[in-house]
Amino acid sequence: MANEVNSQVTDAITQTNVKVVAEAPAQAMASFYQMMASANGLAATNAVSNQHNLNQLNPTIVAQAINMIKAG
């Protein structure tokens, strides 16, 4: 049994390994950008939700303030 490996096979494996290692930073940055986009979307959703909740409370707060002013 021969212990030699065809040089084309070793070259192909080396090129594949280099390609995978070379793509890792790009994959990491893509994942980071997707995570940041998701976080920004959630922040906007929370801001809208908080504004909605405050808009529901405003009439009650104004009515209470008017009652306090009337009571003197």
C-alpha atoms as a PDB file:
ATOM      1  CA  MET A   1       0.000   0.000   0.000  1.00  0.00           C
ATOM      2  CA  ALA A   2       1.412   3.345  -1.004  1.00  0.00           C
ATOM      3  CA  ASN A   3       1.790   6.124   1.518  1.00  0.00           C
ATOM      4  CA  GLU A   4       1.823   8.852  -1.105  1.00  0.00           C
ATOM      5  CA  VAL A   5      -1.199  11.035  -1.713  1.00  0.00           C
ATOM      6  CA  ASN A   6      -1.908  12.663  -5.009  1.00  0.00           C
ATOM      7  CA  SER A   7      -0.787  16.304  -4.910  1.00  0.00           C
ATOM      8  CA  GLN A   8      -4.049  17.407  -6.530  1.00  0.00           C
ATOM      9  CA  VAL A   9      -5.972  15.965  -3.584  1.00  0.00           C
ATOM     10  CA  THR A  10      -3.823  17.751  -1.003  1.00  0.00           C
ATOM     11  CA  ASP A  11      -4.073  21.000  -2.971  1.00  0.00           C
ATOM     12  CA  ALA A  12      -7.865  20.727  -3.122  1.00  0.00           C
ATOM     13  CA  ILE A  13      -8.101  20.099   0.622  1.00  0.00           C
ATOM     14  CA  THR A  14      -5.731  22.975   1.388  1.00  0.00           C
ATOM     15  CA  GLN A  15      -7.717  25.349  -0.807  1.00  0.00           C
ATOM     16  CA  THR A  16     -10.972  24.290   0.847  1.00  0.00           C
ATOM     17  CA  ASN A  17      -9.519  24.866   4.317  1.00  0.00           C
ATOM     18  CA  VAL A  18      -8.171  28.278   3.322  1.00  0.00           C
ATOM     19  CA  LYS A  19     -11.553  29.224   1.858  1.00  0.00           C
ATOM     20  CA  VAL A  20     -13.399  28.256   5.044  1.00  0.00           C
ATOM     21  CA  VAL A  21     -10.945  30.128   7.266  1.00  0.00           C
ATOM     22  CA  ALA A  22     -11.001  33.171   4.986  1.00  0.00           C
ATOM     23  CA  GLU A  23     -14.813  33.353   5.067  1.00  0.00           C
ATOM     24  CA  ALA A  24     -15.095  33.187   8.869  1.00  0.00           C
ATOM     25  CA  PRO A  25     -14.673  36.946   9.531  1.00  0.00           C
ATOM     26  CA  ALA A  26     -17.273  37.814   6.903  1.00  0.00           C
ATOM     27  CA  GLN A  27     -19.718  35.309   8.393  1.00  0.00           C
ATOM     28  CA  ALA A  28     -19.106  36.737  11.868  1.00  0.00           C
ATOM     29  CA  MET A  29     -19.722  40.295  10.674  1.00  0.00           C
ATOM     30  CA  ALA A  30     -22.888  39.258   8.845  1.00  0.00           C
ATOM     31  CA  SER A  31     -24.170  37.607  12.007  1.00  0.00           C
ATOM     32  CA  PHE A  32     -23.282  40.722  14.011  1.00  0.00           C
ATOM     33  CA  TYR A  33     -25.122  43.018  11.574  1.00  0.00           C
ATOM     34  CA  GLN A  34     -28.226  40.810  11.693  1.00  0.00           C
ATOM     35  CA  MET A  35     -28.137  40.827  15.497  1.00  0.00           C
ATOM     36  CA  MET A  36     -27.802  44.622  15.586  1.00  0.00           C
ATOM     37  CA  ALA A  37     -30.677  45.053  13.113  1.00  0.00           C
ATOM     38  CA  SER A  38     -32.857  42.830  15.276  1.00  0.00           C
ATOM     39  CA  ALA A  39     -31.911  44.751  18.426  1.00  0.00           C
ATOM     40  CA  ASN A  40     -32.723  48.075  16.738  1.00  0.00           C
ATOM     41  CA  GLY A  41     -36.075  46.719  15.599  1.00  0.00           C
ATOM     42  CA  LEU A  42     -36.922  45.599  19.125  1.00  0.00           C
ATOM     43  CA  ALA A  43     -35.891  49.010  20.492  1.00  0.00           C
ATOM     44  CA  ALA A  44     -38.220  50.755  18.052  1.00  0.00           C
ATOM     45  CA  THR A  45     -41.037  48.364  18.935  1.00  0.00           C
ATOM     46  CA  ASN A  46     -40.541  49.052  22.638  1.00  0.00           C
ATOM     47  CA  ALA A  47     -40.537  52.814  22.042  1.00  0.00           C
ATOM     48  CA  VAL A  48     -43.823  52.616  20.162  1.00  0.00           C
ATOM     49  CA  SER A  49     -45.337  50.417  22.858  1.00  0.00           C
ATOM     50  CA  ASN A  50     -44.253  52.798  25.627  1.00  0.00           C
ATOM     51  CA  GLN A  51     -45.653  55.791  23.736  1.00  0.00           C
ATOM     52  CA  HIS A  52     -48.954  53.974  23.265  1.00  0.00           C
ATOM     53  CA  ASN A  53     -49.156  53.143  26.981  1.00  0.00           C
ATOM     54  CA  LEU A  54     -48.432  56.751  27.951  1.00  0.00           C
ATOM     55  CA  ASN A  55     -51.064  58.008  25.497  1.00  0.00           C
ATOM     56  CA  GLN A  56     -53.612  55.797  27.242  1.00  0.00           C
ATOM     57  CA  LEU A  57     -52.686  57.251  30.634  1.00  0.00           C
ATOM     58  CA  ASN A  58     -52.710  60.927  29.591  1.00  0.00           C
ATOM     59  CA  PRO A  59     -56.506  61.522  29.818  1.00  0.00           C
ATOM     60  CA  THR A  60     -56.576  60.043  33.318  1.00  0.00           C
ATOM     61  CA  ILE A  61     -53.631  62.159  34.441  1.00  0.00           C
ATOM     62  CA  VAL A  62     -55.162  65.338  32.996  1.00  0.00           C
ATOM     63  CA  ALA A  63     -58.549  64.594  34.607  1.00  0.00           C
ATOM     64  CA  GLN A  64     -56.871  64.008  37.986  1.00  0.00           C
ATOM     65  CA  ALA A  65     -54.930  67.274  37.644  1.00  0.00           C
ATOM     66  CA  ILE A  66     -58.123  69.189  36.810  1.00  0.00           C
ATOM     67  CA  ASN A  67     -59.878  67.686  39.828  1.00  0.00           C
ATOM     68  CA  MET A  68     -56.957  68.695  42.046  1.00  0.00           C
ATOM     69  CA  ILE A  69     -57.083  72.262  40.661  1.00  0.00           C
ATOM     70  CA  LYS A  70     -60.854  72.452  41.217  1.00  0.00           C
ATOM     71  CA  ALA A  71     -60.500  71.158  44.767  1.00  0.00           C
ATOM     72  CA  GLY A  72     -58.115  74.010  45.304  1.00  0.00           C
END
